[in-house]
Amino acid sequence: MKAITAETTIEDLQRDPKSYGLPTFEEFKKNRNAYMGNFDDAMASIINGPLIGRKDLRKIKFQVHGVDIKPDHLERALSDYNHTLSDLEDVLLNRNSRLKKKIDMVPLGGGKFDVVLNLLPKTT
């Protein structure tokens, strides 16, 4: 398995997620529960791979339209706002999507931080 390093790009992860220990989006959709225990890490790898494994990264948090969402409730929250997992895939892979992503690093003190991924409606 390849390590995710500072040189790893989103394109690398898109091209061959399996070599980085990540499921393809199709595999995840078919059997989400098999990956939920590692969901934060997998999403974080897609969002900002070089941060994974850093001791100063405490947690990846998710928001949909500014509302905090637990990772295992993400699909339902997207559905509540008339979005799908395909919309999530599109925005994370930088394809045309009805969503846009806003990624914030929240300092916690002592050099530690959280990352917040907010999925927002795309404005025209």
PDB file of N, CA and C in Angstrom:
ATOM      1  N   MET A   1       0.845  -1.178   0.000  1.00  0.00           N
ATOM      2  CA  MET A   1       0.000   0.000   0.000  1.00  0.00           C
ATOM      3  C   MET A   1       0.890   1.240   0.000  1.00  0.00           C
ATOM      4  N   LYS A   2       0.487   2.229  -0.801  1.00  0.00           N
ATOM      5  CA  LYS A   2       1.228   3.482  -0.868  1.00  0.00           C
ATOM      6  C   LYS A   2       0.864   4.363   0.317  1.00  0.00           C
ATOM      7  N   ALA A   3       1.828   5.118   0.784  1.00  0.00           N
ATOM      8  CA  ALA A   3       1.576   6.083   1.851  1.00  0.00           C
ATOM      9  C   ALA A   3       1.108   7.396   1.237  1.00  0.00           C
ATOM     10  N   ILE A   4       0.235   8.062   1.927  1.00  0.00           N
ATOM     11  CA  ILE A   4      -0.196   9.385   1.495  1.00  0.00           C
ATOM     12  C   ILE A   4       0.810  10.378   2.059  1.00  0.00           C
ATOM     13  N   THR A   5       1.462  11.102   1.170  1.00  0.00           N
ATOM     14  CA  THR A   5       2.501  12.041   1.564  1.00  0.00           C
ATOM     15  C   THR A   5       2.133  13.441   1.093  1.00  0.00           C
ATOM     16  N   ALA A   6       2.989  14.385   1.379  1.00  0.00           N
ATOM     17  CA  ALA A   6       2.763  15.764   0.931  1.00  0.00           C
ATOM     18  C   ALA A   6       2.750  15.862  -0.590  1.00  0.00           C
ATOM     19  N   GLU A   7       3.384  14.897  -1.272  1.00  0.00           N
ATOM     20  CA  GLU A   7       3.417  14.916  -2.732  1.00  0.00           C
ATOM     21  C   GLU A   7       2.193  14.246  -3.351  1.00  0.00           C
ATOM     22  N   THR A   8       1.408  13.526  -2.560  1.00  0.00           N
ATOM     23  CA  THR A   8       0.216  12.845  -3.071  1.00  0.00           C
ATOM     24  C   THR A   8      -0.812  13.892  -3.475  1.00  0.00           C
ATOM     25  N   THR A   9      -1.364  13.729  -4.674  1.00  0.00           N
ATOM     26  CA  THR A   9      -2.361  14.684  -5.156  1.00  0.00           C
ATOM     27  C   THR A   9      -3.743  14.034  -5.171  1.00  0.00           C
ATOM     28  N   ILE A  10      -4.754  14.860  -5.301  1.00  0.00           N
ATOM     29  CA  ILE A  10      -6.119  14.365  -5.443  1.00  0.00           C
ATOM     30  C   ILE A  10      -6.209  13.458  -6.659  1.00  0.00           C
ATOM     31  N   GLU A  11      -5.518  13.832  -7.722  1.00  0.00           N
ATOM     32  CA  GLU A  11      -5.536  13.021  -8.937  1.00  0.00           C
ATOM     33  C   GLU A  11      -4.985  11.623  -8.674  1.00  0.00           C
ATOM     34  N   ASP A  12      -3.929  11.526  -7.838  1.00  0.00           N
ATOM     35  CA  ASP A  12      -3.380  10.217  -7.478  1.00  0.00           C
ATOM     36  C   ASP A  12      -4.437   9.376  -6.775  1.00  0.00           C
ATOM     37  N   LEU A  13      -5.150   9.989  -5.849  1.00  0.00           N
ATOM     38  CA  LEU A  13      -6.182   9.262  -5.101  1.00  0.00           C
ATOM     39  C   LEU A  13      -7.351   8.878  -6.006  1.00  0.00           C
ATOM     40  N   GLN A  14      -7.706   9.749  -6.931  1.00  0.00           N
ATOM     41  CA  GLN A  14      -8.795   9.452  -7.857  1.00  0.00           C
ATOM     42  C   GLN A  14      -8.417   8.310  -8.796  1.00  0.00           C
ATOM     43  N   ARG A  15      -7.197   8.332  -9.265  1.00  0.00           N
ATOM     44  CA  ARG A  15      -6.725   7.361 -10.237  1.00  0.00           C
ATOM     45  C   ARG A  15      -6.674   5.949  -9.648  1.00  0.00           C
ATOM     46  N   ASP A  16      -6.216   5.823  -8.391  1.00  0.00           N
ATOM     47  CA  ASP A  16      -6.030   4.499  -7.814  1.00  0.00           C
ATOM     48  C   ASP A  16      -6.238   4.524  -6.298  1.00  0.00           C
ATOM     49  N   PRO A  17      -7.482   4.691  -5.838  1.00  0.00           N
ATOM     50  CA  PRO A  17      -7.717   4.768  -4.395  1.00  0.00           C
ATOM     51  C   PRO A  17      -7.309   3.489  -3.662  1.00  0.00           C
ATOM     52  N   LYS A  18      -7.430   2.341  -4.327  1.00  0.00           N
ATOM     53  CA  LYS A  18      -7.101   1.057  -3.697  1.00  0.00           C
ATOM     54  C   LYS A  18      -5.642   1.007  -3.251  1.00  0.00           C
ATOM     55  N   SER A  19      -4.741   1.583  -4.041  1.00  0.00           N
ATOM     56  CA  SER A  19      -3.325   1.515  -3.685  1.00  0.00           C
ATOM     57  C   SER A  19      -3.009   2.334  -2.431  1.00  0.00           C
ATOM     58  N   TYR A  20      -3.935   3.225  -2.031  1.00  0.00           N
ATOM     59  CA  TYR A  20      -3.770   4.010  -0.814  1.00  0.00           C
ATOM     60  C   TYR A  20      -4.618   3.460   0.328  1.00  0.00           C
ATOM     61  N   GLY A  21      -5.208   2.295   0.113  1.00  0.00           N
ATOM     62  CA  GLY A  21      -6.017   1.678   1.162  1.00  0.00           C
ATOM     63  C   GLY A  21      -7.415   2.249   1.270  1.00  0.00           C
ATOM     64  N   LEU A  22      -7.883   2.940   0.224  1.00  0.00           N
ATOM     65  CA  LEU A  22      -9.217   3.547   0.225  1.00  0.00           C
ATOM     66  C   LEU A  22     -10.141   2.768  -0.708  1.00  0.00           C
ATOM     67  N   PRO A  23     -11.429   2.745  -0.392  1.00  0.00           N
ATOM     68  CA  PRO A  23     -12.363   2.095  -1.310  1.00  0.00           C
ATOM     69  C   PRO A  23     -12.677   3.022  -2.481  1.00  0.00           C
ATOM     70  N   THR A  24     -13.112   2.430  -3.587  1.00  0.00           N
ATOM     71  CA  THR A  24     -13.645   3.267  -4.653  1.00  0.00           C
ATOM     72  C   THR A  24     -14.998   3.785  -4.179  1.00  0.00           C
ATOM     73  N   PHE A  25     -15.498   4.824  -4.816  1.00  0.00           N
ATOM     74  CA  PHE A  25     -16.785   5.369  -4.397  1.00  0.00           C
ATOM     75  C   PHE A  25     -17.884   4.326  -4.572  1.00  0.00           C
ATOM     76  N   GLU A  26     -17.800   3.546  -5.644  1.00  0.00           N
ATOM     77  CA  GLU A  26     -18.806   2.509  -5.895  1.00  0.00           C
ATOM     78  C   GLU A  26     -18.793   1.462  -4.782  1.00  0.00           C
ATOM     79  N   GLU A  27     -17.601   1.049  -4.339  1.00  0.00           N
ATOM     80  CA  GLU A  27     -17.500   0.082  -3.243  1.00  0.00           C
ATOM     81  C   GLU A  27     -18.100   0.653  -1.962  1.00  0.00           C
ATOM     82  N   PHE A  28     -17.809   1.908  -1.718  1.00  0.00           N
ATOM     83  CA  PHE A  28     -18.340   2.551  -0.519  1.00  0.00           C
ATOM     84  C   PHE A  28     -19.864   2.603  -0.562  1.00  0.00           C
ATOM     85  N   LYS A  29     -20.432   2.982  -1.719  1.00  0.00           N
ATOM     86  CA  LYS A  29     -21.890   3.052  -1.844  1.00  0.00           C
ATOM     87  C   LYS A  29     -22.531   1.695  -1.626  1.00  0.00           C
ATOM     88  N   LYS A  30     -21.920   0.629  -2.146  1.00  0.00           N
ATOM     89  CA  LYS A  30     -22.491  -0.714  -2.021  1.00  0.00           C
ATOM     90  C   LYS A  30     -22.474  -1.223  -0.591  1.00  0.00           C
ATOM     91  N   ASN A  31     -21.438  -0.880   0.172  1.00  0.00           N
ATOM     92  CA  ASN A  31     -21.299  -1.431   1.524  1.00  0.00           C
ATOM     93  C   ASN A  31     -20.675  -0.392   2.454  1.00  0.00           C
ATOM     94  N   ARG A  32     -21.393   0.720   2.660  1.00  0.00           N
ATOM     95  CA  ARG A  32     -20.892   1.810   3.499  1.00  0.00           C
ATOM     96  C   ARG A  32     -20.502   1.345   4.882  1.00  0.00           C
ATOM     97  N   ASN A  33     -21.313   0.449   5.465  1.00  0.00           N
ATOM     98  CA  ASN A  33     -21.078   0.042   6.846  1.00  0.00           C
ATOM     99  C   ASN A  33     -19.711  -0.607   7.033  1.00  0.00           C
ATOM    100  N   ALA A  34     -19.199  -1.238   6.002  1.00  0.00           N
ATOM    101  CA  ALA A  34     -17.879  -1.855   6.103  1.00  0.00           C
ATOM    102  C   ALA A  34     -16.777  -0.811   6.242  1.00  0.00           C
ATOM    103  N   TYR A  35     -17.048   0.419   5.821  1.00  0.00           N
ATOM    104  CA  TYR A  35     -16.033   1.464   5.837  1.00  0.00           C
ATOM    105  C   TYR A  35     -16.303   2.549   6.871  1.00  0.00           C
ATOM    106  N   MET A  36     -17.408   2.508   7.550  1.00  0.00           N
ATOM    107  CA  MET A  36     -17.769   3.599   8.447  1.00  0.00           C
ATOM    108  C   MET A  36     -16.775   3.772   9.589  1.00  0.00           C
ATOM    109  N   GLY A  37     -16.188   2.708  10.071  1.00  0.00           N
ATOM    110  CA  GLY A  37     -15.223   2.838  11.151  1.00  0.00           C
ATOM    111  C   GLY A  37     -14.024   3.669  10.750  1.00  0.00           C
ATOM    112  N   ASN A  38     -13.715   3.707   9.470  1.00  0.00           N
ATOM    113  CA  ASN A  38     -12.571   4.439   8.970  1.00  0.00           C
ATOM    114  C   ASN A  38     -13.015   5.613   8.093  1.00  0.00           C
ATOM    115  N   PHE A  39     -14.272   6.002   8.213  1.00  0.00           N
ATOM    116  CA  PHE A  39     -14.848   7.027   7.347  1.00  0.00           C
ATOM    117  C   PHE A  39     -14.118   8.358   7.463  1.00  0.00           C
ATOM    118  N   ASP A  40     -13.851   8.815   8.701  1.00  0.00           N
ATOM    119  CA  ASP A  40     -13.157  10.086   8.880  1.00  0.00           C
ATOM    120  C   ASP A  40     -11.812  10.084   8.157  1.00  0.00           C
ATOM    121  N   ASP A  41     -11.049   9.006   8.317  1.00  0.00           N
ATOM    122  CA  ASP A  41      -9.737   8.936   7.686  1.00  0.00           C
ATOM    123  C   ASP A  41      -9.845   8.914   6.164  1.00  0.00           C
ATOM    124  N   ALA A  42     -10.803   8.140   5.645  1.00  0.00           N
ATOM    125  CA  ALA A  42     -10.954   8.054   4.193  1.00  0.00           C
ATOM    126  C   ALA A  42     -11.359   9.406   3.614  1.00  0.00           C
ATOM    127  N   MET A  43     -12.319  10.074   4.242  1.00  0.00           N
ATOM    128  CA  MET A  43     -12.754  11.378   3.753  1.00  0.00           C
ATOM    129  C   MET A  43     -11.623  12.382   3.868  1.00  0.00           C
ATOM    130  N   ALA A  44     -10.900  12.333   4.960  1.00  0.00           N
ATOM    131  CA  ALA A  44      -9.797  13.268   5.149  1.00  0.00           C
ATOM    132  C   ALA A  44      -8.721  13.048   4.093  1.00  0.00           C
ATOM    133  N   SER A  45      -8.493  11.808   3.717  1.00  0.00           N
ATOM    134  CA  SER A  45      -7.503  11.524   2.679  1.00  0.00           C
ATOM    135  C   SER A  45      -7.900  12.169   1.369  1.00  0.00           C
ATOM    136  N   ILE A  46      -9.187  12.129   1.069  1.00  0.00           N
ATOM    137  CA  ILE A  46      -9.679  12.741  -0.160  1.00  0.00           C
ATOM    138  C   ILE A  46      -9.583  14.256  -0.062  1.00  0.00           C
ATOM    139  N   ILE A  47      -9.951  14.789   1.107  1.00  0.00           N
ATOM    140  CA  ILE A  47      -9.994  16.235   1.284  1.00  0.00           C
ATOM    141  C   ILE A  47      -8.592  16.833   1.299  1.00  0.00           C
ATOM    142  N   ASN A  48      -7.721  16.252   2.110  1.00  0.00           N
ATOM    143  CA  ASN A  48      -6.399  16.846   2.271  1.00  0.00           C
ATOM    144  C   ASN A  48      -5.414  15.790   2.727  1.00  0.00           C
ATOM    145  N   GLY A  49      -5.060  14.911   1.827  1.00  0.00           N
ATOM    146  CA  GLY A  49      -4.210  13.767   2.120  1.00  0.00           C
ATOM    147  C   GLY A  49      -2.982  14.053   2.953  1.00  0.00           C
ATOM    148  N   PRO A  50      -2.236  15.120   2.699  1.00  0.00           N
ATOM    149  CA  PRO A  50      -1.012  15.333   3.465  1.00  0.00           C
ATOM    150  C   PRO A  50      -1.234  15.530   4.968  1.00  0.00           C
ATOM    151  N   LEU A  51      -2.464  15.810   5.385  1.00  0.00           N
ATOM    152  CA  LEU A  51      -2.714  16.002   6.816  1.00  0.00           C
ATOM    153  C   LEU A  51      -2.829  14.684   7.575  1.00  0.00           C
ATOM    154  N   ILE A  52      -3.144  13.588   6.864  1.00  0.00           N
ATOM    155  CA  ILE A  52      -3.360  12.312   7.528  1.00  0.00           C
ATOM    156  C   ILE A  52      -2.074  11.848   8.206  1.00  0.00           C
ATOM    157  N   GLY A  53      -2.225  11.332   9.385  1.00  0.00           N
ATOM    158  CA  GLY A  53      -1.074  10.846  10.125  1.00  0.00           C
ATOM    159  C   GLY A  53      -0.393  11.927  10.937  1.00  0.00           C
ATOM    160  N   ARG A  54      -0.813  13.150  10.766  1.00  0.00           N
ATOM    161  CA  ARG A  54      -0.218  14.225  11.558  1.00  0.00           C
ATOM    162  C   ARG A  54      -0.760  14.150  12.965  1.00  0.00           C
ATOM    163  N   LYS A  55       0.113  14.264  13.915  1.00  0.00           N
ATOM    164  CA  LYS A  55      -0.296  14.171  15.320  1.00  0.00           C
ATOM    165  C   LYS A  55      -1.071  15.407  15.770  1.00  0.00           C
ATOM    166  N   ASP A  56      -0.955  16.494  15.009  1.00  0.00           N
ATOM    167  CA  ASP A  56      -1.652  17.714  15.404  1.00  0.00           C
ATOM    168  C   ASP A  56      -3.083  17.779  14.881  1.00  0.00           C
ATOM    169  N   LEU A  57      -3.461  16.894  13.939  1.00  0.00           N
ATOM    170  CA  LEU A  57      -4.842  16.833  13.449  1.00  0.00           C
ATOM    171  C   LEU A  57      -5.651  15.978  14.405  1.00  0.00           C
ATOM    172  N   ARG A  58      -6.627  16.606  15.065  1.00  0.00           N
ATOM    173  CA  ARG A  58      -7.410  15.889  16.062  1.00  0.00           C
ATOM    174  C   ARG A  58      -8.627  15.214  15.456  1.00  0.00           C
ATOM    175  N   LYS A  59      -9.380  15.924  14.602  1.00  0.00           N
ATOM    176  CA  LYS A  59     -10.638  15.368  14.115  1.00  0.00           C
ATOM    177  C   LYS A  59     -11.051  16.029  12.810  1.00  0.00           C
ATOM    178  N   ILE A  60     -11.736  15.244  11.964  1.00  0.00           N
ATOM    179  CA  ILE A  60     -12.376  15.776  10.760  1.00  0.00           C
ATOM    180  C   ILE A  60     -13.858  15.893  11.084  1.00  0.00           C
ATOM    181  N   LYS A  61     -14.406  17.086  10.915  1.00  0.00           N
ATOM    182  CA  LYS A  61     -15.827  17.302  11.182  1.00  0.00           C
ATOM    183  C   LYS A  61     -16.531  17.625   9.872  1.00  0.00           C
ATOM    184  N   PHE A  62     -17.815  17.284   9.813  1.00  0.00           N
ATOM    185  CA  PHE A  62     -18.598  17.500   8.607  1.00  0.00           C
ATOM    186  C   PHE A  62     -19.770  18.417   8.905  1.00  0.00           C
ATOM    187  N   GLN A  63     -20.079  19.266   7.932  1.00  0.00           N
ATOM    188  CA  GLN A  63     -21.262  20.113   8.002  1.00  0.00           C
ATOM    189  C   GLN A  63     -21.955  20.050   6.641  1.00  0.00           C
ATOM    190  N   VAL A  64     -23.279  20.102   6.681  1.00  0.00           N
ATOM    191  CA  VAL A  64     -24.079  20.228   5.464  1.00  0.00           C
ATOM    192  C   VAL A  64     -24.904  21.494   5.637  1.00  0.00           C
ATOM    193  N   HIS A  65     -24.711  22.439   4.739  1.00  0.00           N
ATOM    194  CA  HIS A  65     -25.378  23.748   4.803  1.00  0.00           C
ATOM    195  C   HIS A  65     -25.125  24.405   6.155  1.00  0.00           C
ATOM    196  N   GLY A  66     -23.919  24.218   6.708  1.00  0.00           N
ATOM    197  CA  GLY A  66     -23.538  24.863   7.956  1.00  0.00           C
ATOM    198  C   GLY A  66     -23.972  24.140   9.222  1.00  0.00           C
ATOM    199  N   VAL A  67     -24.651  23.012   9.087  1.00  0.00           N
ATOM    200  CA  VAL A  67     -25.131  22.251  10.250  1.00  0.00           C
ATOM    201  C   VAL A  67     -24.177  21.085  10.507  1.00  0.00           C
ATOM    202  N   ASP A  68     -23.707  20.952  11.763  1.00  0.00           N
ATOM    203  CA  ASP A  68     -22.815  19.847  12.122  1.00  0.00           C
ATOM    204  C   ASP A  68     -23.506  18.510  11.910  1.00  0.00           C
ATOM    205  N   ILE A  69     -22.781  17.572  11.291  1.00  0.00           N
ATOM    206  CA  ILE A  69     -23.318  16.257  10.962  1.00  0.00           C
ATOM    207  C   ILE A  69     -22.323  15.190  11.416  1.00  0.00           C
ATOM    208  N   LYS A  70     -22.821  14.135  12.060  1.00  0.00           N
ATOM    209  CA  LYS A  70     -21.965  12.995  12.366  1.00  0.00           C
ATOM    210  C   LYS A  70     -21.708  12.240  11.070  1.00  0.00           C
ATOM    211  N   PRO A  71     -20.510  11.688  10.890  1.00  0.00           N
ATOM    212  CA  PRO A  71     -20.191  11.009   9.629  1.00  0.00           C
ATOM    213  C   PRO A  71     -21.196   9.924   9.237  1.00  0.00           C
ATOM    214  N   ASP A  72     -21.718   9.190  10.214  1.00  0.00           N
ATOM    215  CA  ASP A  72     -22.655   8.120   9.868  1.00  0.00           C
ATOM    216  C   ASP A  72     -24.050   8.637   9.535  1.00  0.00           C
ATOM    217  N   HIS A  73     -24.269   9.951   9.642  1.00  0.00           N
ATOM    218  CA  HIS A  73     -25.544  10.553   9.259  1.00  0.00           C
ATOM    219  C   HIS A  73     -25.419  11.436   8.016  1.00  0.00           C
ATOM    220  N   LEU A  74     -24.262  11.365   7.370  1.00  0.00           N
ATOM    221  CA  LEU A  74     -24.003  12.256   6.243  1.00  0.00           C
ATOM    222  C   LEU A  74     -24.967  12.037   5.085  1.00  0.00           C
ATOM    223  N   GLU A  75     -25.223  10.793   4.727  1.00  0.00           N
ATOM    224  CA  GLU A  75     -26.122  10.522   3.599  1.00  0.00           C
ATOM    225  C   GLU A  75     -27.521  11.054   3.884  1.00  0.00           C
ATOM    226  N   ARG A  76     -28.012  10.855   5.085  1.00  0.00           N
ATOM    227  CA  ARG A  76     -29.347  11.347   5.435  1.00  0.00           C
ATOM    228  C   ARG A  76     -29.393  12.872   5.410  1.00  0.00           C
ATOM    229  N   ALA A  77     -28.349  13.502   5.938  1.00  0.00           N
ATOM    230  CA  ALA A  77     -28.308  14.967   5.942  1.00  0.00           C
ATOM    231  C   ALA A  77     -28.295  15.512   4.516  1.00  0.00           C
ATOM    232  N   LEU A  78     -27.519  14.871   3.643  1.00  0.00           N
ATOM    233  CA  LEU A  78     -27.518  15.300   2.243  1.00  0.00           C
ATOM    234  C   LEU A  78     -28.913  15.162   1.648  1.00  0.00           C
ATOM    235  N   SER A  79     -29.558  14.043   1.936  1.00  0.00           N
ATOM    236  CA  SER A  79     -30.906  13.791   1.425  1.00  0.00           C
ATOM    237  C   SER A  79     -31.895  14.844   1.931  1.00  0.00           C
ATOM    238  N   ASP A  80     -31.749  15.241   3.197  1.00  0.00           N
ATOM    239  CA  ASP A  80     -32.636  16.270   3.764  1.00  0.00           C
ATOM    240  C   ASP A  80     -32.556  17.583   2.986  1.00  0.00           C
ATOM    241  N   TYR A  81     -31.413  17.836   2.351  1.00  0.00           N
ATOM    242  CA  TYR A  81     -31.220  19.054   1.556  1.00  0.00           C
ATOM    243  C   TYR A  81     -31.284  18.766   0.056  1.00  0.00           C
ATOM    244  N   ASN A  82     -31.907  17.637  -0.298  1.00  0.00           N
ATOM    245  CA  ASN A  82     -32.085  17.242  -1.704  1.00  0.00           C
ATOM    246  C   ASN A  82     -30.766  17.039  -2.449  1.00  0.00           C
ATOM    247  N   HIS A  83     -29.762  16.486  -1.743  1.00  0.00           N
ATOM    248  CA  HIS A  83     -28.498  16.123  -2.355  1.00  0.00           C
ATOM    249  C   HIS A  83     -28.317  14.618  -2.213  1.00  0.00           C
ATOM    250  N   THR A  84     -27.372  14.067  -2.978  1.00  0.00           N
ATOM    251  CA  THR A  84     -27.112  12.633  -2.954  1.00  0.00           C
ATOM    252  C   THR A  84     -25.629  12.379  -2.694  1.00  0.00           C
ATOM    253  N   LEU A  85     -25.299  11.103  -2.486  1.00  0.00           N
ATOM    254  CA  LEU A  85     -23.885  10.749  -2.353  1.00  0.00           C
ATOM    255  C   LEU A  85     -23.124  11.054  -3.646  1.00  0.00           C
ATOM    256  N   SER A  86     -23.816  10.998  -4.771  1.00  0.00           N
ATOM    257  CA  SER A  86     -23.174  11.360  -6.047  1.00  0.00           C
ATOM    258  C   SER A  86     -22.773  12.831  -6.053  1.00  0.00           C
ATOM    259  N   ASP A  87     -23.605  13.693  -5.457  1.00  0.00           N
ATOM    260  CA  ASP A  87     -23.247  15.112  -5.335  1.00  0.00           C
ATOM    261  C   ASP A  87     -21.992  15.261  -4.479  1.00  0.00           C
ATOM    262  N   LEU A  88     -21.922  14.480  -3.397  1.00  0.00           N
ATOM    263  CA  LEU A  88     -20.748  14.509  -2.527  1.00  0.00           C
ATOM    264  C   LEU A  88     -19.511  14.054  -3.292  1.00  0.00           C
ATOM    265  N   GLU A  89     -19.638  12.969  -4.022  1.00  0.00           N
ATOM    266  CA  GLU A  89     -18.515  12.465  -4.813  1.00  0.00           C
ATOM    267  C   GLU A  89     -18.055  13.531  -5.802  1.00  0.00           C
ATOM    268  N   ASP A  90     -18.997  14.162  -6.484  1.00  0.00           N
ATOM    269  CA  ASP A  90     -18.649  15.175  -7.477  1.00  0.00           C
ATOM    270  C   ASP A  90     -17.880  16.336  -6.862  1.00  0.00           C
ATOM    271  N   VAL A  91     -18.329  16.834  -5.720  1.00  0.00           N
ATOM    272  CA  VAL A  91     -17.656  17.986  -5.121  1.00  0.00           C
ATOM    273  C   VAL A  91     -16.280  17.584  -4.592  1.00  0.00           C
ATOM    274  N   LEU A  92     -16.147  16.390  -4.027  1.00  0.00           N
ATOM    275  CA  LEU A  92     -14.849  15.970  -3.502  1.00  0.00           C
ATOM    276  C   LEU A  92     -13.848  15.694  -4.613  1.00  0.00           C
ATOM    277  N   LEU A  93     -14.336  15.277  -5.762  1.00  0.00           N
ATOM    278  CA  LEU A  93     -13.453  14.993  -6.887  1.00  0.00           C
ATOM    279  C   LEU A  93     -13.349  16.171  -7.852  1.00  0.00           C
ATOM    280  N   ASN A  94     -13.828  17.329  -7.400  1.00  0.00           N
ATOM    281  CA  ASN A  94     -13.735  18.575  -8.172  1.00  0.00           C
ATOM    282  C   ASN A  94     -14.405  18.487  -9.536  1.00  0.00           C
ATOM    283  N   ARG A  95     -15.505  17.752  -9.588  1.00  0.00           N
ATOM    284  CA  ARG A  95     -16.305  17.707 -10.819  1.00  0.00           C
ATOM    285  C   ARG A  95     -17.459  18.684 -10.657  1.00  0.00           C
ATOM    286  N   ASN A  96     -18.153  18.942 -11.747  1.00  0.00           N
ATOM    287  CA  ASN A  96     -19.307  19.834 -11.689  1.00  0.00           C
ATOM    288  C   ASN A  96     -20.311  19.268 -10.690  1.00  0.00           C
ATOM    289  N   SER A  97     -20.698  20.042  -9.725  1.00  0.00           N
ATOM    290  CA  SER A  97     -21.576  19.570  -8.654  1.00  0.00           C
ATOM    291  C   SER A  97     -22.565  20.658  -8.273  1.00  0.00           C
ATOM    292  N   ARG A  98     -23.661  20.218  -7.656  1.00  0.00           N
ATOM    293  CA  ARG A  98     -24.628  21.179  -7.118  1.00  0.00           C
ATOM    294  C   ARG A  98     -24.163  21.703  -5.763  1.00  0.00           C
ATOM    295  N   LEU A  99     -23.056  21.152  -5.265  1.00  0.00           N
ATOM    296  CA  LEU A  99     -22.489  21.567  -3.984  1.00  0.00           C
ATOM    297  C   LEU A  99     -21.144  22.240  -4.195  1.00  0.00           C
ATOM    298  N   LYS A 100     -20.738  22.997  -3.197  1.00  0.00           N
ATOM    299  CA  LYS A 100     -19.358  23.473  -3.136  1.00  0.00           C
ATOM    300  C   LYS A 100     -18.839  23.115  -1.749  1.00  0.00           C
ATOM    301  N   LYS A 101     -17.528  22.966  -1.633  1.00  0.00           N
ATOM    302  CA  LYS A 101     -16.956  22.611  -0.343  1.00  0.00           C
ATOM    303  C   LYS A 101     -16.185  23.793   0.214  1.00  0.00           C
ATOM    304  N   LYS A 102     -16.271  23.928   1.513  1.00  0.00           N
ATOM    305  CA  LYS A 102     -15.503  24.942   2.229  1.00  0.00           C
ATOM    306  C   LYS A 102     -14.756  24.184   3.317  1.00  0.00           C
ATOM    307  N   ILE A 103     -13.442  24.254   3.300  1.00  0.00           N
ATOM    308  CA  ILE A 103     -12.629  23.532   4.270  1.00  0.00           C
ATOM    309  C   ILE A 103     -11.963  24.543   5.190  1.00  0.00           C
ATOM    310  N   ASP A 104     -12.188  24.373   6.493  1.00  0.00           N
ATOM    311  CA  ASP A 104     -11.609  25.263   7.491  1.00  0.00           C
ATOM    312  C   ASP A 104     -10.759  24.464   8.463  1.00  0.00           C
ATOM    313  N   MET A 105      -9.651  25.050   8.869  1.00  0.00           N
ATOM    314  CA  MET A 105      -8.840  24.485   9.937  1.00  0.00           C
ATOM    315  C   MET A 105      -9.152  25.283  11.193  1.00  0.00           C
ATOM    316  N   VAL A 106      -9.556  24.575  12.252  1.00  0.00           N
ATOM    317  CA  VAL A 106      -9.948  25.232  13.497  1.00  0.00           C
ATOM    318  C   VAL A 106      -8.859  24.989  14.547  1.00  0.00           C
ATOM    319  N   PRO A 107      -8.113  26.030  14.932  1.00  0.00           N
ATOM    320  CA  PRO A 107      -7.063  25.855  15.938  1.00  0.00           C
ATOM    321  C   PRO A 107      -7.661  25.492  17.295  1.00  0.00           C
ATOM    322  N   LEU A 108      -7.034  24.541  17.976  1.00  0.00           N
ATOM    323  CA  LEU A 108      -7.522  24.087  19.282  1.00  0.00           C
ATOM    324  C   LEU A 108      -6.562  24.458  20.406  1.00  0.00           C
ATOM    325  N   GLY A 109      -5.440  25.051  20.064  1.00  0.00           N
ATOM    326  CA  GLY A 109      -4.416  25.360  21.054  1.00  0.00           C
ATOM    327  C   GLY A 109      -3.400  24.235  21.137  1.00  0.00           C
ATOM    328  N   GLY A 110      -2.236  24.560  21.592  1.00  0.00           N
ATOM    329  CA  GLY A 110      -1.184  23.571  21.712  1.00  0.00           C
ATOM    330  C   GLY A 110      -0.743  23.007  20.380  1.00  0.00           C
ATOM    331  N   GLY A 111      -0.978  23.738  19.294  1.00  0.00           N
ATOM    332  CA  GLY A 111      -0.582  23.276  17.972  1.00  0.00           C
ATOM    333  C   GLY A 111      -1.533  22.272  17.349  1.00  0.00           C
ATOM    334  N   LYS A 112      -2.623  21.924  18.031  1.00  0.00           N
ATOM    335  CA  LYS A 112      -3.590  20.954  17.503  1.00  0.00           C
ATOM    336  C   LYS A 112      -4.706  21.703  16.765  1.00  0.00           C
ATOM    337  N   PHE A 113      -5.362  20.974  15.843  1.00  0.00           N
ATOM    338  CA  PHE A 113      -6.446  21.589  15.092  1.00  0.00           C
ATOM    339  C   PHE A 113      -7.429  20.525  14.624  1.00  0.00           C
ATOM    340  N   ASP A 114      -8.649  20.978  14.324  1.00  0.00           N
ATOM    341  CA  ASP A 114      -9.671  20.170  13.666  1.00  0.00           C
ATOM    342  C   ASP A 114      -9.810  20.697  12.239  1.00  0.00           C
ATOM    343  N   VAL A 115     -10.275  19.830  11.346  1.00  0.00           N
ATOM    344  CA  VAL A 115     -10.617  20.239   9.991  1.00  0.00           C
ATOM    345  C   VAL A 115     -12.125  20.107   9.851  1.00  0.00           C
ATOM    346  N   VAL A 116     -12.777  21.161   9.341  1.00  0.00           N
ATOM    347  CA  VAL A 116     -14.222  21.158   9.134  1.00  0.00           C
ATOM    348  C   VAL A 116     -14.487  21.239   7.633  1.00  0.00           C
ATOM    349  N   LEU A 117     -15.194  20.216   7.118  1.00  0.00           N
ATOM    350  CA  LEU A 117     -15.621  20.205   5.724  1.00  0.00           C
ATOM    351  C   LEU A 117     -17.095  20.592   5.706  1.00  0.00           C
ATOM    352  N   ASN A 118     -17.383  21.760   5.132  1.00  0.00           N
ATOM    353  CA  ASN A 118     -18.759  22.238   5.036  1.00  0.00           C
ATOM    354  C   ASN A 118     -19.211  22.105   3.588  1.00  0.00           C
ATOM    355  N   LEU A 119     -20.302  21.371   3.372  1.00  0.00           N
ATOM    356  CA  LEU A 119     -20.878  21.199   2.046  1.00  0.00           C
ATOM    357  C   LEU A 119     -22.018  22.196   1.898  1.00  0.00           C
ATOM    358  N   LEU A 120     -21.852  23.106   0.981  1.00  0.00           N
ATOM    359  CA  LEU A 120     -22.796  24.212   0.816  1.00  0.00           C
ATOM    360  C   LEU A 120     -23.433  24.168  -0.561  1.00  0.00           C
ATOM    361  N   PRO A 121     -24.632  24.773  -0.691  1.00  0.00           N
ATOM    362  CA  PRO A 121     -25.244  24.830  -2.030  1.00  0.00           C
ATOM    363  C   PRO A 121     -24.398  25.748  -2.920  1.00  0.00           C
ATOM    364  N   LYS A 122     -24.263  25.354  -4.154  1.00  0.00           N
ATOM    365  CA  LYS A 122     -23.523  26.186  -5.103  1.00  0.00           C
ATOM    366  C   LYS A 122     -24.437  27.307  -5.547  1.00  0.00           C
ATOM    367  N   THR A 123     -23.956  28.522  -5.447  1.00  0.00           N
ATOM    368  CA  THR A 123     -24.736  29.678  -5.887  1.00  0.00           C
ATOM    369  C   THR A 123     -24.355  29.996  -7.318  1.00  0.00           C
ATOM    370  N   THR A 124     -25.324  30.464  -8.074  1.00  0.00           N
ATOM    371  CA  THR A 124     -25.058  30.772  -9.482  1.00  0.00           C
ATOM    372  C   THR A 124     -24.706  32.209  -9.666  1.00  0.00           C
TER     373      THR A 124
END
